[in-house]
Amino acid sequence: MFLSKVCVTRGFSSLATKKPINRIYWLASGDIFRNLAFEVCFYDNRARYAVEEGSQYRPADMLFWRSDPCVVIGRNQNVWLESSPREIEGRGWQLARRMSGGGAVFHDHGNLNISFLEAKKHFDRQKCMEFLRDSLMKRWPKLNIFVGSRYDLWLLPDDLSLADLDPSKIPEGAKKISGSASRFSSKIGLHHCTLLFNTSLTSLASVLQPAVPEIMSRASKSIQSEVTNIAVPEEELKSTLFNAGLEWLKMGARDGQVELVTVNPGEEGNWVDAGTFERNLTNFQSWDWVYGDTPKFTIPMEADDGTVLCLHCEKGRIAKLEQTGGPIIDTSLLQRFSSAITGKQPTSPWVDKLNEALVGKKLQFMEIHEALMEVETELSAKSDGLKDPYEHVSQIIDRLRGMATCF
């Protein structure tokens, strides 16, 4: 049975007028967007983690939650290079982008999220992960856990001794059980991690695959690692970490005051500003955040006739279609002279026509498909029922449509 405390309903305004105590928040919602929105309310609350001059009080909080099946990518990642959005959507799962960096991760009810928040001047990510390691190994001595240099946790073979290991290297045979990410403002530190205890490893592997492997981007890329579960009962795990967390928070708490509260869906406004929470929630759910915040990238492709193209994408939309090589058809003599002088690849007027149709379109199959159909309609009218004189353009369109099926 895990430690619990009756959650007393309180208004945020009344909480804000009192000296805050250090808390553990258990978020009962399985909605990844609600949980991320709640978390960022704390990160943005500078007053909550203000440290008084000369005070021994260290305001700090911990958040715990489990999410319904979903994929969460890092702040600076390419959504189509880290996952397959259509596969995720087809399973009825959510795809989210968090505000911190780091790599992509699969969440389900067998993966526990743990967030640490504290004033930046006192924040120590290494100690956060050592706290988790020590709490787990104290309760389950059979677990042999190593803290990696990236503030991650690894389960080691039984015959390896922690005392003999190089802390800068991942030991051979180690399997990852926790990855982490962080974000810092001038005043606040946030460090959050996941802990695999009974997750579906099959689902994890199947959805963390690139939808478009050909993408060329400077976006942060996930580092693939072999993973495993620690295979401990959920209620015992929560009980262990809740109790240990309260003791940990008590060290910096005012008069030793700590509290464990449960936050049910719809009750977030009792603990954070309701308006701020709703704005955060709307942002995390938005297409412009999840997809549109992807760093700019390009997709090289080649049509069957040898035409080489490059699709430039920015903010989740098509910015430009560029012909970079291959046969040049329907280009004027003037264009060819210009190309000879500048050294730049001449462009078919039909590539310009495709740009008119595609630029600004979201990287979604139906938007791209409908834009291409408009160009095909114009092609059909110009061919006047004769043998297709624009076969090369049709091949480019087919290649673009094939690429669009990945979005």
Protein backbone atom coordinates (compact mmCIF):
# COMPACT_ATOMS: atom_id res chain seq x y z
CA MET A 1 0.00 0.00 0.00
CA PHE A 2 1.56 3.33 -0.99
CA LEU A 3 1.69 6.35 1.25
CA SER A 4 -1.18 8.72 0.67
CA LYS A 5 -2.57 11.88 2.16
CA VAL A 6 -6.05 13.30 1.73
CA CYS A 7 -5.88 16.04 -0.83
CA VAL A 8 -7.55 19.12 0.68
CA THR A 9 -9.15 21.34 -1.94
CA ARG A 10 -7.53 24.77 -1.83
CA GLY A 11 -7.65 27.78 -4.10
CA PHE A 12 -4.41 28.84 -5.76
CA SER A 13 -4.78 32.44 -4.57
CA SER A 14 -4.93 31.34 -0.94
CA LEU A 15 -1.88 29.11 -1.41
CA ALA A 16 0.09 31.96 -2.92
CA THR A 17 -0.41 34.17 0.13
CA LYS A 18 1.08 31.61 2.54
CA LYS A 19 4.64 30.50 3.07
CA PRO A 20 4.90 27.52 0.71
CA ILE A 21 5.91 24.10 1.95
CA ASN A 22 7.80 21.49 -0.04
CA ARG A 23 5.49 19.02 -1.74
CA ILE A 24 5.26 15.86 -3.76
CA TYR A 25 2.47 16.08 -6.34
CA TRP A 26 0.99 12.84 -7.63
CA LEU A 27 -0.75 13.69 -10.91
CA ALA A 28 -3.63 11.28 -11.35
CA SER A 29 -4.26 12.27 -14.97
CA GLY A 30 -3.00 10.00 -17.72
CA ASP A 31 -3.13 12.90 -20.20
CA ILE A 32 0.43 13.81 -21.14
CA PHE A 33 -0.63 17.32 -22.17
CA ARG A 34 -2.23 18.07 -18.79
CA ASN A 35 0.82 16.77 -16.96
CA LEU A 36 3.29 18.79 -19.04
CA ALA A 37 1.12 21.90 -18.66
CA PHE A 38 1.03 21.46 -14.87
CA GLU A 39 4.79 20.96 -14.71
CA VAL A 40 5.59 24.13 -16.66
CA CYS A 41 3.41 26.18 -14.28
CA PHE A 42 5.96 25.40 -11.58
CA TYR A 43 8.93 26.07 -13.82
CA ASP A 44 7.57 29.53 -14.67
CA ASN A 45 6.75 30.41 -11.04
CA ARG A 46 9.89 32.30 -10.00
CA ALA A 47 8.36 33.44 -6.72
CA ARG A 48 7.82 29.84 -5.63
CA TYR A 49 11.54 29.04 -5.70
CA ALA A 50 12.90 32.39 -4.53
CA VAL A 51 15.57 31.88 -1.86
CA GLU A 52 15.66 34.40 0.97
CA GLU A 53 19.08 35.83 1.76
CA GLY A 54 20.67 33.93 4.64
CA SER A 55 17.78 31.48 4.90
CA GLN A 56 18.35 27.76 5.31
CA TYR A 57 15.00 27.16 3.63
CA ARG A 58 15.29 25.58 0.17
CA PRO A 59 11.94 25.55 -1.64
CA ALA A 60 11.64 22.43 -3.79
CA ASP A 61 8.95 20.16 -5.24
CA MET A 62 8.68 16.77 -6.91
CA LEU A 63 6.07 15.70 -9.46
CA PHE A 64 5.17 12.10 -10.26
CA TRP A 65 2.89 10.81 -12.99
CA ARG A 66 2.17 7.99 -15.41
CA SER A 67 0.80 8.74 -18.85
CA ASP A 68 -1.53 6.88 -21.15
CA PRO A 69 0.45 5.47 -24.11
CA CYS A 70 2.19 8.32 -25.92
CA VAL A 71 5.49 9.45 -27.39
CA VAL A 72 7.22 12.56 -26.03
CA ILE A 73 10.00 14.20 -28.02
CA GLY A 74 12.56 16.77 -26.87
CA ARG A 75 12.25 20.51 -27.37
CA ASN A 76 14.77 20.62 -30.24
CA GLN A 77 13.92 17.40 -32.06
CA ASN A 78 12.46 16.60 -35.47
CA VAL A 79 9.14 14.89 -34.92
CA TRP A 80 9.35 12.84 -38.17
CA LEU A 81 12.93 11.75 -37.55
CA GLU A 82 12.25 10.56 -34.00
CA SER A 83 8.88 8.88 -34.47
CA SER A 84 6.16 7.83 -36.86
CA PRO A 85 3.25 10.20 -36.21
CA ARG A 86 0.85 8.25 -38.45
CA GLU A 87 1.67 5.01 -36.60
CA ILE A 88 1.15 6.73 -33.25
CA GLU A 89 -2.13 8.29 -34.38
CA GLY A 90 -3.29 4.97 -35.83
CA ARG A 91 -2.90 3.39 -32.41
CA GLY A 92 -4.98 6.12 -30.82
CA TRP A 93 -1.99 7.44 -28.86
CA GLN A 94 -0.78 10.99 -28.29
CA LEU A 95 2.37 12.66 -29.60
CA ALA A 96 3.79 15.47 -27.47
CA ARG A 97 6.75 17.83 -27.40
CA ARG A 98 8.11 18.80 -23.99
CA MET A 99 9.86 22.08 -23.18
CA SER A 100 13.18 20.49 -22.19
CA GLY A 101 15.85 19.03 -24.45
CA GLY A 102 16.92 15.41 -24.59
CA GLY A 103 15.65 12.52 -26.66
CA ALA A 104 12.36 10.88 -27.55
CA VAL A 105 10.71 8.55 -25.05
CA PHE A 106 7.70 6.24 -24.94
CA HIS A 107 5.32 6.64 -22.00
CA ASP A 108 2.73 4.18 -20.74
CA HIS A 109 1.43 3.05 -17.35
CA GLY A 110 4.61 1.04 -16.81
CA ASN A 111 6.85 4.10 -17.07
CA LEU A 112 6.97 6.51 -14.11
CA ASN A 113 7.80 10.18 -14.73
CA ILE A 114 9.63 12.00 -11.94
CA SER A 115 10.27 15.77 -11.97
CA PHE A 116 12.53 17.73 -9.62
CA LEU A 117 12.15 21.51 -9.26
CA GLU A 118 14.29 23.78 -7.12
CA ALA A 119 16.10 27.12 -7.12
CA LYS A 120 18.91 26.99 -9.68
CA LYS A 121 21.57 27.98 -7.13
CA HIS A 122 20.93 24.77 -5.17
CA PHE A 123 20.11 22.45 -8.07
CA ASP A 124 22.24 19.34 -8.61
CA ARG A 125 21.12 16.85 -11.27
CA GLN A 126 23.65 14.27 -10.18
CA LYS A 127 22.18 14.24 -6.68
CA CYS A 128 18.68 13.84 -8.12
CA MET A 129 19.70 10.67 -9.93
CA GLU A 130 21.75 9.38 -7.00
CA PHE A 131 18.68 9.87 -4.81
CA LEU A 132 16.67 7.62 -7.14
CA ARG A 133 19.44 5.03 -7.36
CA ASP A 134 19.92 4.89 -3.60
CA SER A 135 16.18 4.73 -2.87
CA LEU A 136 15.69 1.84 -5.29
CA MET A 137 18.72 -0.14 -4.18
CA LYS A 138 17.87 0.28 -0.50
CA ARG A 139 14.39 -1.18 -1.08
CA TRP A 140 15.48 -3.79 -3.64
CA PRO A 141 19.11 -4.80 -2.96
CA LYS A 142 19.03 -7.10 -6.00
CA LEU A 143 19.00 -4.02 -8.25
CA ASN A 144 22.50 -3.05 -9.35
CA ILE A 145 22.09 0.52 -10.64
CA PHE A 146 24.67 2.82 -12.21
CA VAL A 147 24.30 6.59 -12.70
CA GLY A 148 25.59 7.54 -16.16
CA SER A 149 27.35 10.73 -17.17
CA ARG A 150 24.19 11.95 -18.93
CA TYR A 151 22.23 11.74 -15.67
CA ASP A 152 20.61 8.47 -16.68
CA LEU A 153 20.21 5.17 -14.82
CA TRP A 154 21.46 1.78 -15.99
CA LEU A 155 20.76 -1.70 -14.67
CA LEU A 156 24.00 -3.63 -14.43
CA PRO A 157 24.75 -7.36 -14.49
CA ASP A 158 24.91 -8.81 -10.97
CA ASP A 159 28.64 -9.53 -11.15
CA LEU A 160 29.65 -5.88 -11.65
CA SER A 161 30.65 -3.83 -8.62
CA LEU A 162 29.78 -0.13 -8.63
CA ALA A 163 33.01 0.64 -6.79
CA ASP A 164 35.15 -0.63 -9.67
CA LEU A 165 33.45 1.31 -12.48
CA ASP A 166 34.54 4.40 -14.41
CA PRO A 167 31.67 6.91 -13.91
CA SER A 168 32.28 8.40 -17.36
CA LYS A 169 31.67 5.13 -19.25
CA ILE A 170 28.60 2.91 -19.57
CA PRO A 171 29.64 -0.62 -18.51
CA GLU A 172 29.32 -3.48 -20.96
CA GLY A 173 26.08 -5.37 -20.48
CA ALA A 174 24.28 -2.40 -18.89
CA LYS A 175 20.67 -1.71 -19.89
CA LYS A 176 19.02 1.67 -19.58
CA ILE A 177 16.12 2.06 -17.13
CA SER A 178 15.92 5.85 -16.97
CA GLY A 179 16.63 8.73 -19.33
CA SER A 180 16.47 12.36 -18.31
CA ALA A 181 16.27 15.92 -19.58
CA SER A 182 16.68 19.32 -17.95
CA ARG A 183 15.84 22.97 -18.39
CA PHE A 184 17.19 25.98 -16.52
CA SER A 185 16.08 29.58 -16.29
CA SER A 186 18.06 32.27 -14.51
CA LYS A 187 16.42 31.27 -11.21
CA ILE A 188 14.90 27.79 -11.51
CA GLY A 189 16.14 24.31 -12.32
CA LEU A 190 13.94 21.52 -13.70
CA HIS A 191 15.18 17.98 -14.09
CA HIS A 192 12.81 15.20 -15.10
CA CYS A 193 13.29 11.56 -15.93
CA THR A 194 11.37 8.41 -16.65
CA LEU A 195 11.74 5.12 -14.81
CA LEU A 196 10.91 1.91 -16.66
CA PHE A 197 9.35 -0.56 -14.25
CA ASN A 198 6.83 -2.46 -16.37
CA THR A 199 6.59 -0.72 -19.73
CA SER A 200 5.77 -2.43 -23.03
CA LEU A 201 9.22 -2.74 -24.59
CA THR A 202 7.66 -3.95 -27.84
CA SER A 203 5.53 -0.81 -28.15
CA LEU A 204 8.52 1.34 -27.23
CA ALA A 205 10.62 -0.11 -30.04
CA SER A 206 7.85 0.04 -32.65
CA VAL A 207 6.93 3.73 -32.34
CA LEU A 208 10.40 5.21 -31.83
CA GLN A 209 11.26 4.70 -35.50
CA PRO A 210 11.75 7.51 -38.05
CA ALA A 211 8.86 8.21 -40.42
CA VAL A 212 11.25 9.79 -42.94
CA PRO A 213 14.81 8.46 -42.46
CA GLU A 214 16.08 10.59 -45.38
CA ILE A 215 15.56 13.85 -43.45
CA MET A 216 18.66 16.01 -43.19
CA SER A 217 18.61 18.20 -40.10
CA ARG A 218 20.69 19.68 -37.32
CA ALA A 219 17.95 18.87 -34.81
CA SER A 220 18.94 16.96 -31.69
CA LYS A 221 18.87 13.21 -32.30
CA SER A 222 18.06 10.51 -29.78
CA ILE A 223 20.80 8.08 -28.82
CA GLN A 224 19.59 4.51 -29.17
CA SER A 225 20.22 2.29 -26.13
CA GLU A 226 19.18 -1.16 -25.02
CA VAL A 227 16.51 -0.78 -22.35
CA THR A 228 14.84 -2.93 -19.72
CA ASN A 229 12.36 -2.75 -16.83
CA ILE A 230 13.34 -2.94 -13.17
CA ALA A 231 10.31 -5.26 -12.76
CA VAL A 232 9.07 -4.18 -9.33
CA PRO A 233 5.41 -3.82 -8.22
CA GLU A 234 3.94 -0.42 -9.02
CA GLU A 235 2.42 0.29 -5.60
CA GLU A 236 5.63 -0.62 -3.81
CA LEU A 237 7.62 1.54 -6.20
CA LYS A 238 5.43 4.57 -5.58
CA SER A 239 5.40 3.98 -1.83
CA THR A 240 9.19 3.72 -1.78
CA LEU A 241 9.79 6.86 -3.81
CA PHE A 242 7.07 8.91 -2.11
CA ASN A 243 8.43 8.16 1.36
CA ALA A 244 12.03 8.72 0.29
CA GLY A 245 11.04 11.88 -1.57
CA LEU A 246 9.33 13.37 1.46
CA GLU A 247 12.42 12.76 3.56
CA TRP A 248 14.59 14.31 0.86
CA LEU A 249 12.39 17.41 0.58
CA LYS A 250 12.22 17.74 4.36
CA MET A 251 15.95 18.56 4.52
CA GLY A 252 15.31 21.97 2.93
CA ALA A 253 11.74 22.50 4.10
CA ARG A 254 10.66 25.33 6.39
CA ASP A 255 10.17 23.81 9.85
CA GLY A 256 10.41 20.38 8.21
CA GLN A 257 7.00 20.81 6.58
CA VAL A 258 6.38 18.50 3.63
CA GLU A 259 3.23 17.18 2.04
CA LEU A 260 2.06 14.62 -0.48
CA VAL A 261 -0.99 15.65 -2.49
CA THR A 262 -2.98 14.02 -5.26
CA VAL A 263 -4.00 16.23 -8.19
CA ASN A 264 -6.98 14.85 -10.09
CA PRO A 265 -7.83 15.96 -13.64
CA GLY A 266 -9.67 19.28 -13.45
CA GLU A 267 -8.21 20.14 -10.03
CA GLU A 268 -4.97 21.64 -11.33
CA GLY A 269 -6.29 25.15 -10.62
CA ASN A 270 -6.29 24.36 -6.89
CA TRP A 271 -2.48 24.23 -6.98
CA VAL A 272 -1.40 26.51 -9.82
CA ASP A 273 -2.92 29.52 -11.53
CA ALA A 274 -5.88 28.16 -13.51
CA GLY A 275 -5.53 30.62 -16.39
CA THR A 276 -1.84 29.89 -16.80
CA PHE A 277 -2.50 26.16 -16.71
CA GLU A 278 -5.15 26.40 -19.45
CA ARG A 279 -2.87 28.49 -21.66
CA ASN A 280 -0.05 26.00 -21.21
CA LEU A 281 -2.42 23.12 -21.97
CA THR A 282 -3.64 24.78 -25.18
CA ASN A 283 -0.05 25.36 -26.29
CA PHE A 284 1.13 21.79 -25.63
CA GLN A 285 -1.87 20.41 -27.55
CA SER A 286 -1.40 22.69 -30.56
CA TRP A 287 -0.15 21.55 -33.96
CA ASP A 288 2.19 24.54 -34.09
CA TRP A 289 3.96 23.35 -30.93
CA VAL A 290 4.10 19.61 -31.57
CA TYR A 291 4.90 19.78 -35.30
CA GLY A 292 5.51 23.43 -36.16
CA ASP A 293 8.27 23.85 -33.61
CA THR A 294 10.43 21.31 -35.46
CA PRO A 295 13.79 22.86 -36.44
CA LYS A 296 14.12 23.49 -40.18
CA PHE A 297 15.21 20.54 -42.32
CA THR A 298 15.45 19.24 -45.87
CA ILE A 299 14.39 16.04 -47.61
CA PRO A 300 16.39 15.00 -50.69
CA MET A 301 14.54 12.85 -53.21
CA GLU A 302 14.83 11.61 -56.77
CA ALA A 303 12.09 10.98 -59.32
CA ASP A 304 12.08 7.94 -61.61
CA ASP A 305 13.39 10.00 -64.53
CA GLY A 306 16.47 11.06 -62.55
CA THR A 307 15.21 14.49 -61.50
CA VAL A 308 16.88 15.34 -58.18
CA LEU A 309 14.82 17.44 -55.78
CA CYS A 310 15.23 18.93 -52.33
CA LEU A 311 12.23 19.79 -50.19
CA HIS A 312 13.02 22.56 -47.71
CA CYS A 313 10.80 22.58 -44.62
CA GLU A 314 10.46 25.12 -41.85
CA LYS A 315 8.03 25.40 -38.92
CA GLY A 316 6.37 22.17 -39.99
CA ARG A 317 5.51 23.55 -43.43
CA ILE A 318 6.96 23.42 -46.93
CA ALA A 319 9.25 26.40 -47.49
CA LYS A 320 10.60 25.56 -50.95
CA LEU A 321 10.89 22.79 -53.53
CA GLU A 322 14.28 22.97 -55.23
CA GLN A 323 15.51 21.08 -58.28
CA THR A 324 19.17 20.29 -57.64
CA GLY A 325 20.01 17.94 -60.50
CA GLY A 326 18.81 15.62 -63.22
CA PRO A 327 17.21 16.24 -66.63
CA ILE A 328 16.03 19.75 -67.38
CA ILE A 329 12.93 19.90 -69.52
CA ASP A 330 10.83 22.90 -70.59
CA THR A 331 13.53 25.41 -69.69
CA SER A 332 14.03 28.38 -71.99
CA LEU A 333 17.26 29.21 -73.82
CA LEU A 334 17.60 32.33 -71.64
CA GLN A 335 17.39 30.20 -68.48
CA ARG A 336 20.10 27.91 -69.80
CA PHE A 337 22.41 30.85 -70.59
CA SER A 338 21.78 32.22 -67.08
CA SER A 339 22.56 28.83 -65.60
CA ALA A 340 25.81 28.61 -67.54
CA ILE A 341 26.88 32.02 -66.19
CA THR A 342 25.81 31.54 -62.56
CA GLY A 343 26.58 27.85 -62.27
CA LYS A 344 23.16 27.26 -60.72
CA GLN A 345 20.87 24.43 -61.78
CA PRO A 346 18.15 25.72 -64.15
CA THR A 347 14.65 24.97 -62.94
CA SER A 348 11.72 23.64 -64.90
CA PRO A 349 8.77 26.08 -64.91
CA TRP A 350 6.73 23.18 -63.55
CA VAL A 351 8.90 23.15 -60.44
CA ASP A 352 7.96 26.82 -60.04
CA LYS A 353 4.32 25.82 -60.50
CA LEU A 354 4.69 23.15 -57.81
CA ASN A 355 6.22 25.73 -55.50
CA GLU A 356 3.20 27.97 -55.99
CA ALA A 357 0.96 25.10 -54.95
CA LEU A 358 3.04 23.69 -52.09
CA VAL A 359 4.82 26.52 -50.27
CA GLY A 360 3.20 27.17 -46.91
CA LYS A 361 1.37 23.84 -46.78
CA LYS A 362 1.56 21.90 -43.53
CA LEU A 363 3.46 18.63 -43.64
CA GLN A 364 0.23 16.66 -43.62
CA PHE A 365 -0.72 14.15 -46.28
CA MET A 366 -4.11 15.62 -47.23
CA GLU A 367 -2.82 19.20 -47.55
CA ILE A 368 0.01 18.09 -49.82
CA HIS A 369 -2.19 15.65 -51.75
CA GLU A 370 -4.83 18.29 -52.50
CA ALA A 371 -2.19 20.80 -53.63
CA LEU A 372 -0.69 18.22 -55.99
CA MET A 373 -4.13 17.39 -57.40
CA GLU A 374 -4.55 21.03 -58.41
CA VAL A 375 -1.33 20.85 -60.40
CA GLU A 376 -2.41 17.53 -61.94
CA THR A 377 -5.69 19.10 -63.03
CA GLU A 378 -3.76 21.84 -64.83
CA LEU A 379 -1.48 19.25 -66.44
CA SER A 380 -4.47 17.29 -67.67
CA ALA A 381 -6.02 20.38 -69.24
CA LYS A 382 -2.79 21.28 -71.05
CA SER A 383 -2.27 17.77 -72.43
CA ASP A 384 -5.66 18.05 -74.21
CA GLY A 385 -6.20 14.28 -74.11
CA LEU A 386 -3.02 13.54 -76.05
CA LYS A 387 -0.26 11.25 -74.89
CA ASP A 388 0.99 12.85 -71.72
CA PRO A 389 3.64 15.40 -72.80
CA TYR A 390 4.29 16.16 -69.13
CA GLU A 391 5.26 12.69 -68.01
CA HIS A 392 8.38 14.04 -66.30
CA VAL A 393 6.22 16.36 -64.17
CA SER A 394 3.90 13.50 -63.30
CA GLN A 395 6.90 11.53 -62.05
CA ILE A 396 7.90 14.42 -59.79
CA ILE A 397 4.34 14.63 -58.45
CA ASP A 398 4.28 10.88 -57.82
CA ARG A 399 7.52 11.15 -55.86
CA LEU A 400 6.18 14.03 -53.79
CA ARG A 401 2.93 12.20 -53.07
CA GLY A 402 4.83 9.09 -52.05
CA MET A 403 6.90 11.16 -49.65
CA ALA A 404 3.74 12.80 -48.26
CA THR A 405 2.34 9.43 -47.16
CA CYS A 406 4.98 9.45 -44.41
CA PHE A 407 3.52 12.57 -42.79
